[in-house]
Amino acid sequence: MNTLTPLAKLTIPIGGQEIELQQLDYEAGGMSMLRTRIREKSRFTVFDIDAQSAQLWGEALLRWAQTQPEAKSNDEVSS
């Protein structure tokens, strides 16, 4: 049986989507995958990505977030 390990669960304030991140380890072995599961009312989107793709995606998200006025304000407050 494949193993899913919960990593994070987020509820998006605008729209109410639920995002779950899980590590997926296959019973047969091999590399672990990052499963992203997005629930939007009764609709689900699920996809699995490798570590390199997860890193690229995460870096792109951070670059975008750091350009937003809200992110700059939060950074200034915590400094």
PDB file of N, CA and C in Angstrom:
ATOM      1  N   MET A   1       0.840  -1.185   0.000  1.00  0.00           N
ATOM      2  CA  MET A   1       0.000   0.000   0.000  1.00  0.00           C
ATOM      3  C   MET A   1       0.885   1.248   0.000  1.00  0.00           C
ATOM      4  N   ASN A   2       0.549   2.220  -0.825  1.00  0.00           N
ATOM      5  CA  ASN A   2       1.276   3.481  -0.860  1.00  0.00           C
ATOM      6  C   ASN A   2       1.026   4.252   0.433  1.00  0.00           C
ATOM      7  N   THR A   3       1.982   5.085   0.831  1.00  0.00           N
ATOM      8  CA  THR A   3       1.876   5.841   2.076  1.00  0.00           C
ATOM      9  C   THR A   3       1.769   7.332   1.780  1.00  0.00           C
ATOM     10  N   LEU A   4       0.765   7.981   2.367  1.00  0.00           N
ATOM     11  CA  LEU A   4       0.605   9.434   2.280  1.00  0.00           C
ATOM     12  C   LEU A   4       0.910  10.039   3.643  1.00  0.00           C
ATOM     13  N   THR A   5       1.842  10.995   3.685  1.00  0.00           N
ATOM     14  CA  THR A   5       2.205  11.674   4.919  1.00  0.00           C
ATOM     15  C   THR A   5       1.767  13.134   4.809  1.00  0.00           C
ATOM     16  N   PRO A   6       0.851  13.594   5.671  1.00  0.00           N
ATOM     17  CA  PRO A   6       0.398  14.986   5.614  1.00  0.00           C
ATOM     18  C   PRO A   6       1.555  15.948   5.886  1.00  0.00           C
ATOM     19  N   LEU A   7       1.637  17.024   5.099  1.00  0.00           N
ATOM     20  CA  LEU A   7       2.670  18.043   5.276  1.00  0.00           C
ATOM     21  C   LEU A   7       2.075  19.388   5.653  1.00  0.00           C
ATOM     22  N   ALA A   8       0.994  19.777   4.999  1.00  0.00           N
ATOM     23  CA  ALA A   8       0.363  21.074   5.279  1.00  0.00           C
ATOM     24  C   ALA A   8      -1.066  21.060   4.760  1.00  0.00           C
ATOM     25  N   LYS A   9      -1.914  21.845   5.433  1.00  0.00           N
ATOM     26  CA  LYS A   9      -3.299  22.016   4.986  1.00  0.00           C
ATOM     27  C   LYS A   9      -3.641  23.489   5.153  1.00  0.00           C
ATOM     28  N   LEU A  10      -4.090  24.108   4.057  1.00  0.00           N
ATOM     29  CA  LEU A  10      -4.400  25.531   4.049  1.00  0.00           C
ATOM     30  C   LEU A  10      -5.830  25.748   3.588  1.00  0.00           C
ATOM     31  N   THR A  11      -6.483  26.730   4.160  1.00  0.00           N
ATOM     32  CA  THR A  11      -7.769  27.180   3.643  1.00  0.00           C
ATOM     33  C   THR A  11      -7.572  28.597   3.142  1.00  0.00           C
ATOM     34  N   ILE A  12      -7.872  28.815   1.880  1.00  0.00           N
ATOM     35  CA  ILE A  12      -7.656  30.107   1.259  1.00  0.00           C
ATOM     36  C   ILE A  12      -8.786  31.050   1.677  1.00  0.00           C
ATOM     37  N   PRO A  13      -8.458  32.222   2.236  1.00  0.00           N
ATOM     38  CA  PRO A  13      -9.492  33.110   2.769  1.00  0.00           C
ATOM     39  C   PRO A  13     -10.462  33.628   1.709  1.00  0.00           C
ATOM     40  N   ILE A  14      -9.972  33.928   0.508  1.00  0.00           N
ATOM     41  CA  ILE A  14     -10.859  34.395  -0.555  1.00  0.00           C
ATOM     42  C   ILE A  14     -11.129  33.204  -1.461  1.00  0.00           C
ATOM     43  N   GLY A  15     -12.339  32.709  -1.451  1.00  0.00           N
ATOM     44  CA  GLY A  15     -12.691  31.561  -2.287  1.00  0.00           C
ATOM     45  C   GLY A  15     -12.921  30.288  -1.493  1.00  0.00           C
ATOM     46  N   GLY A  16     -12.259  30.172  -0.347  1.00  0.00           N
ATOM     47  CA  GLY A  16     -12.486  29.034   0.538  1.00  0.00           C
ATOM     48  C   GLY A  16     -11.915  27.702   0.066  1.00  0.00           C
ATOM     49  N   GLN A  17     -11.046  27.699  -0.942  1.00  0.00           N
ATOM     50  CA  GLN A  17     -10.455  26.440  -1.383  1.00  0.00           C
ATOM     51  C   GLN A  17      -9.589  25.853  -0.269  1.00  0.00           C
ATOM     52  N   GLU A  18      -9.552  24.533  -0.213  1.00  0.00           N
ATOM     53  CA  GLU A  18      -8.688  23.831   0.729  1.00  0.00           C
ATOM     54  C   GLU A  18      -7.542  23.214  -0.058  1.00  0.00           C
ATOM     55  N   ILE A  19      -6.322  23.468   0.379  1.00  0.00           N
ATOM     56  CA  ILE A  19      -5.146  22.915  -0.275  1.00  0.00           C
ATOM     57  C   ILE A  19      -4.437  22.014   0.721  1.00  0.00           C
ATOM     58  N   GLU A  20      -4.198  20.777   0.315  1.00  0.00           N
ATOM     59  CA  GLU A  20      -3.459  19.824   1.139  1.00  0.00           C
ATOM     60  C   GLU A  20      -2.189  19.429   0.408  1.00  0.00           C
ATOM     61  N   LEU A  21      -1.077  19.427   1.136  1.00  0.00           N
ATOM     62  CA  LEU A  21       0.187  18.933   0.609  1.00  0.00           C
ATOM     63  C   LEU A  21       0.535  17.657   1.368  1.00  0.00           C
ATOM     64  N   GLN A  22       0.875  16.618   0.620  1.00  0.00           N
ATOM     65  CA  GLN A  22       1.189  15.316   1.217  1.00  0.00           C
ATOM     66  C   GLN A  22       2.402  14.731   0.522  1.00  0.00           C
ATOM     67  N   GLN A  23       3.229  13.993   1.278  1.00  0.00           N
ATOM     68  CA  GLN A  23       4.309  13.243   0.662  1.00  0.00           C
ATOM     69  C   GLN A  23       3.762  11.876   0.286  1.00  0.00           C
ATOM     70  N   LEU A  24       3.997  11.479  -0.944  1.00  0.00           N
ATOM     71  CA  LEU A  24       3.525  10.198  -1.450  1.00  0.00           C
ATOM     72  C   LEU A  24       4.719   9.277  -1.627  1.00  0.00           C
ATOM     73  N   ASP A  25       4.722   8.177  -0.884  1.00  0.00           N
ATOM     74  CA  ASP A  25       5.759   7.153  -1.003  1.00  0.00           C
ATOM     75  C   ASP A  25       5.105   5.884  -1.520  1.00  0.00           C
ATOM     76  N   TYR A  26       5.640   5.379  -2.622  1.00  0.00           N
ATOM     77  CA  TYR A  26       5.089   4.180  -3.238  1.00  0.00           C
ATOM     78  C   TYR A  26       5.598   2.936  -2.537  1.00  0.00           C
ATOM     79  N   GLU A  27       4.734   1.955  -2.411  1.00  0.00           N
ATOM     80  CA  GLU A  27       5.082   0.695  -1.766  1.00  0.00           C
ATOM     81  C   GLU A  27       6.275   0.043  -2.458  1.00  0.00           C
ATOM     82  N   ALA A  28       6.325   0.146  -3.772  1.00  0.00           N
ATOM     83  CA  ALA A  28       7.397  -0.494  -4.545  1.00  0.00           C
ATOM     84  C   ALA A  28       8.726   0.243  -4.419  1.00  0.00           C
ATOM     85  N   GLY A  29       8.731   1.421  -3.809  1.00  0.00           N
ATOM     86  CA  GLY A  29       9.964   2.187  -3.662  1.00  0.00           C
ATOM     87  C   GLY A  29      10.071   3.258  -4.728  1.00  0.00           C
ATOM     88  N   GLY A  30      11.269   3.776  -4.872  1.00  0.00           N
ATOM     89  CA  GLY A  30      11.485   4.861  -5.829  1.00  0.00           C
ATOM     90  C   GLY A  30      11.431   6.199  -5.126  1.00  0.00           C
ATOM     91  N   MET A  31      11.393   7.262  -5.926  1.00  0.00           N
ATOM     92  CA  MET A  31      11.414   8.597  -5.335  1.00  0.00           C
ATOM     93  C   MET A  31      10.061   8.966  -4.739  1.00  0.00           C
ATOM     94  N   SER A  32      10.122   9.818  -3.733  1.00  0.00           N
ATOM     95  CA  SER A  32       8.897  10.359  -3.141  1.00  0.00           C
ATOM     96  C   SER A  32       8.361  11.451  -4.055  1.00  0.00           C
ATOM     97  N   MET A  33       7.052  11.646  -4.002  1.00  0.00           N
ATOM     98  CA  MET A  33       6.396  12.683  -4.788  1.00  0.00           C
ATOM     99  C   MET A  33       5.658  13.613  -3.831  1.00  0.00           C
ATOM    100  N   LEU A  34       5.434  14.840  -4.268  1.00  0.00           N
ATOM    101  CA  LEU A  34       4.612  15.777  -3.512  1.00  0.00           C
ATOM    102  C   LEU A  34       3.230  15.770  -4.137  1.00  0.00           C
ATOM    103  N   ARG A  35       2.247  15.348  -3.358  1.00  0.00           N
ATOM    104  CA  ARG A  35       0.864  15.357  -3.830  1.00  0.00           C
ATOM    105  C   ARG A  35       0.218  16.667  -3.399  1.00  0.00           C
ATOM    106  N   THR A  36      -0.359  17.359  -4.350  1.00  0.00           N
ATOM    107  CA  THR A  36      -1.110  18.583  -4.083  1.00  0.00           C
ATOM    108  C   THR A  36      -2.572  18.280  -4.376  1.00  0.00           C
ATOM    109  N   ARG A  37      -3.402  18.507  -3.383  1.00  0.00           N
ATOM    110  CA  ARG A  37      -4.834  18.202  -3.499  1.00  0.00           C
ATOM    111  C   ARG A  37      -5.593  19.499  -3.215  1.00  0.00           C
ATOM    112  N   ILE A  38      -6.342  19.969  -4.205  1.00  0.00           N
ATOM    113  CA  ILE A  38      -7.102  21.211  -4.063  1.00  0.00           C
ATOM    114  C   ILE A  38      -8.584  20.872  -4.114  1.00  0.00           C
ATOM    115  N   ARG A  39      -9.299  21.261  -3.073  1.00  0.00           N
ATOM    116  CA  ARG A  39     -10.751  21.046  -3.019  1.00  0.00           C
ATOM    117  C   ARG A  39     -11.436  22.388  -3.173  1.00  0.00           C
ATOM    118  N   GLU A  40     -12.357  22.431  -4.131  1.00  0.00           N
ATOM    119  CA  GLU A  40     -13.133  23.642  -4.392  1.00  0.00           C
ATOM    120  C   GLU A  40     -14.599  23.211  -4.439  1.00  0.00           C
ATOM    121  N   LYS A  41     -15.294  23.397  -3.305  1.00  0.00           N
ATOM    122  CA  LYS A  41     -16.662  22.888  -3.126  1.00  0.00           C
ATOM    123  C   LYS A  41     -16.648  21.381  -3.334  1.00  0.00           C
ATOM    124  N   SER A  42     -17.324  20.845  -4.351  1.00  0.00           N
ATOM    125  CA  SER A  42     -17.346  19.388  -4.537  1.00  0.00           C
ATOM    126  C   SER A  42     -16.330  18.921  -5.584  1.00  0.00           C
ATOM    127  N   ARG A  43     -15.541  19.834  -6.104  1.00  0.00           N
ATOM    128  CA  ARG A  43     -14.563  19.509  -7.147  1.00  0.00           C
ATOM    129  C   ARG A  43     -13.162  19.357  -6.544  1.00  0.00           C
ATOM    130  N   PHE A  44     -12.441  18.324  -6.976  1.00  0.00           N
ATOM    131  CA  PHE A  44     -11.089  18.071  -6.503  1.00  0.00           C
ATOM    132  C   PHE A  44     -10.109  18.088  -7.669  1.00  0.00           C
ATOM    133  N   THR A  45      -8.939  18.657  -7.441  1.00  0.00           N
ATOM    134  CA  THR A  45      -7.824  18.571  -8.381  1.00  0.00           C
ATOM    135  C   THR A  45      -6.667  17.967  -7.604  1.00  0.00           C
ATOM    136  N   VAL A  46      -6.093  16.898  -8.135  1.00  0.00           N
ATOM    137  CA  VAL A  46      -4.993  16.210  -7.467  1.00  0.00           C
ATOM    138  C   VAL A  46      -3.883  16.005  -8.482  1.00  0.00           C
ATOM    139  N   PHE A  47      -2.658  16.392  -8.104  1.00  0.00           N
ATOM    140  CA  PHE A  47      -1.526  16.091  -8.970  1.00  0.00           C
ATOM    141  C   PHE A  47      -0.290  15.840  -8.126  1.00  0.00           C
ATOM    142  N   ASP A  48       0.602  15.028  -8.674  1.00  0.00           N
ATOM    143  CA  ASP A  48       1.837  14.640  -8.004  1.00  0.00           C
ATOM    144  C   ASP A  48       3.013  15.200  -8.786  1.00  0.00           C
ATOM    145  N   ILE A  49       3.986  15.790  -8.067  1.00  0.00           N
ATOM    146  CA  ILE A  49       5.164  16.334  -8.730  1.00  0.00           C
ATOM    147  C   ILE A  49       6.430  15.863  -8.018  1.00  0.00           C
ATOM    148  N   ASP A  50       7.513  15.881  -8.762  1.00  0.00           N
ATOM    149  CA  ASP A  50       8.823  15.483  -8.230  1.00  0.00           C
ATOM    150  C   ASP A  50       9.424  16.643  -7.440  1.00  0.00           C
ATOM    151  N   ALA A  51      10.511  16.366  -6.717  1.00  0.00           N
ATOM    152  CA  ALA A  51      11.137  17.361  -5.845  1.00  0.00           C
ATOM    153  C   ALA A  51      11.659  18.572  -6.623  1.00  0.00           C
ATOM    154  N   GLN A  52      12.266  18.352  -7.785  1.00  0.00           N
ATOM    155  CA  GLN A  52      12.808  19.469  -8.555  1.00  0.00           C
ATOM    156  C   GLN A  52      11.690  20.404  -9.017  1.00  0.00           C
ATOM    157  N   SER A  53      10.585  19.842  -9.491  1.00  0.00           N
ATOM    158  CA  SER A  53       9.449  20.665  -9.911  1.00  0.00           C
ATOM    159  C   SER A  53       8.844  21.403  -8.724  1.00  0.00           C
ATOM    160  N   ALA A  54       8.776  20.746  -7.560  1.00  0.00           N
ATOM    161  CA  ALA A  54       8.238  21.394  -6.358  1.00  0.00           C
ATOM    162  C   ALA A  54       9.112  22.578  -5.963  1.00  0.00           C
ATOM    163  N   GLN A  55      10.419  22.421  -6.071  1.00  0.00           N
ATOM    164  CA  GLN A  55      11.322  23.519  -5.721  1.00  0.00           C
ATOM    165  C   GLN A  55      11.137  24.701  -6.660  1.00  0.00           C
ATOM    166  N   LEU A  56      11.055  24.444  -7.955  1.00  0.00           N
ATOM    167  CA  LEU A  56      10.862  25.519  -8.931  1.00  0.00           C
ATOM    168  C   LEU A  56       9.537  26.239  -8.703  1.00  0.00           C
ATOM    169  N   TRP A  57       8.489  25.466  -8.443  1.00  0.00           N
ATOM    170  CA  TRP A  57       7.172  26.042  -8.192  1.00  0.00           C
ATOM    171  C   TRP A  57       7.194  26.890  -6.916  1.00  0.00           C
ATOM    172  N   GLY A  58       7.787  26.339  -5.851  1.00  0.00           N
ATOM    173  CA  GLY A  58       7.867  27.059  -4.588  1.00  0.00           C
ATOM    174  C   GLY A  58       8.637  28.363  -4.715  1.00  0.00           C
ATOM    175  N   GLU A  59       9.745  28.335  -5.447  1.00  0.00           N
ATOM    176  CA  GLU A  59      10.531  29.548  -5.648  1.00  0.00           C
ATOM    177  C   GLU A  59       9.732  30.596  -6.431  1.00  0.00           C
ATOM    178  N   ALA A  60       8.975  30.151  -7.430  1.00  0.00           N
ATOM    179  CA  ALA A  60       8.147  31.079  -8.206  1.00  0.00           C
ATOM    180  C   ALA A  60       7.065  31.702  -7.322  1.00  0.00           C
ATOM    181  N   LEU A  61       6.456  30.907  -6.457  1.00  0.00           N
ATOM    182  CA  LEU A  61       5.448  31.432  -5.534  1.00  0.00           C
ATOM    183  C   LEU A  61       6.057  32.475  -4.595  1.00  0.00           C
ATOM    184  N   LEU A  62       7.224  32.172  -4.050  1.00  0.00           N
ATOM    185  CA  LEU A  62       7.882  33.116  -3.150  1.00  0.00           C
ATOM    186  C   LEU A  62       8.262  34.408  -3.851  1.00  0.00           C
ATOM    187  N   ARG A  63       8.805  34.311  -5.075  1.00  0.00           N
ATOM    188  CA  ARG A  63       9.160  35.523  -5.830  1.00  0.00           C
ATOM    189  C   ARG A  63       7.936  36.410  -6.027  1.00  0.00           C
ATOM    190  N   TRP A  64       6.818  35.793  -6.407  1.00  0.00           N
ATOM    191  CA  TRP A  64       5.596  36.572  -6.614  1.00  0.00           C
ATOM    192  C   TRP A  64       5.134  37.198  -5.300  1.00  0.00           C
ATOM    193  N   ALA A  65       5.074  36.410  -4.227  1.00  0.00           N
ATOM    194  CA  ALA A  65       4.574  36.906  -2.945  1.00  0.00           C
ATOM    195  C   ALA A  65       5.414  38.068  -2.434  1.00  0.00           C
ATOM    196  N   GLN A  66       6.714  38.020  -2.666  1.00  0.00           N
ATOM    197  CA  GLN A  66       7.600  39.073  -2.178  1.00  0.00           C
ATOM    198  C   GLN A  66       7.438  40.388  -2.941  1.00  0.00           C
ATOM    199  N   THR A  67       6.787  40.353  -4.092  1.00  0.00           N
ATOM    200  CA  THR A  67       6.547  41.588  -4.843  1.00  0.00           C
ATOM    201  C   THR A  67       5.227  42.251  -4.477  1.00  0.00           C
ATOM    202  N   GLN A  68       4.428  41.597  -3.659  1.00  0.00           N
ATOM    203  CA  GLN A  68       3.110  42.118  -3.309  1.00  0.00           C
ATOM    204  C   GLN A  68       3.206  43.093  -2.136  1.00  0.00           C
ATOM    205  N   PRO A  69       2.426  44.168  -2.180  1.00  0.00           N
ATOM    206  CA  PRO A  69       2.479  45.168  -1.102  1.00  0.00           C
ATOM    207  C   PRO A  69       2.230  44.564   0.284  1.00  0.00           C
ATOM    208  N   GLU A  70       1.303  43.607   0.396  1.00  0.00           N
ATOM    209  CA  GLU A  70       1.007  43.013   1.697  1.00  0.00           C
ATOM    210  C   GLU A  70       2.219  42.290   2.231  1.00  0.00           C
ATOM    211  N   ALA A  71       2.959  41.592   1.384  1.00  0.00           N
ATOM    212  CA  ALA A  71       4.142  40.852   1.810  1.00  0.00           C
ATOM    213  C   ALA A  71       5.220  41.818   2.288  1.00  0.00           C
ATOM    214  N   LYS A  72       5.392  42.939   1.591  1.00  0.00           N
ATOM    215  CA  LYS A  72       6.396  43.928   1.985  1.00  0.00           C
ATOM    216  C   LYS A  72       6.052  44.530   3.342  1.00  0.00           C
ATOM    217  N   SER A  73       4.774  44.821   3.570  1.00  0.00           N
ATOM    218  CA  SER A  73       4.342  45.376   4.839  1.00  0.00           C
ATOM    219  C   SER A  73       4.591  44.392   5.981  1.00  0.00           C
ATOM    220  N   ASN A  74       4.271  43.115   5.755  1.00  0.00           N
ATOM    221  CA  ASN A  74       4.479  42.090   6.777  1.00  0.00           C
ATOM    222  C   ASN A  74       5.971  41.907   7.086  1.00  0.00           C
ATOM    223  N   ASP A  75       6.822  41.962   6.059  1.00  0.00           N
ATOM    224  CA  ASP A  75       8.259  41.824   6.260  1.00  0.00           C
ATOM    225  C   ASP A  75       8.812  42.992   7.092  1.00  0.00           C
ATOM    226  N   GLU A  76       8.330  44.190   6.813  1.00  0.00           N
ATOM    227  CA  GLU A  76       8.802  45.379   7.532  1.00  0.00           C
ATOM    228  C   GLU A  76       8.411  45.306   8.999  1.00  0.00           C
ATOM    229  N   VAL A  77       7.210  44.776   9.291  1.00  0.00           N
ATOM    230  CA  VAL A  77       6.728  44.681  10.669  1.00  0.00           C
ATOM    231  C   VAL A  77       7.557  43.667  11.439  1.00  0.00           C
ATOM    232  N   SER A  78       7.915  42.537  10.787  1.00  0.00           N
ATOM    233  CA  SER A  78       8.632  41.483  11.507  1.00  0.00           C
ATOM    234  C   SER A  78      10.118  41.782  11.653  1.00  0.00           C
ATOM    235  N   SER A  79      10.646  42.748  10.909  1.00  0.00           N
ATOM    236  CA  SER A  79      12.093  43.053  10.969  1.00  0.00           C
ATOM    237  C   SER A  79      12.438  43.847  12.204  1.00  0.00           C
TER     238      SER A  79
END
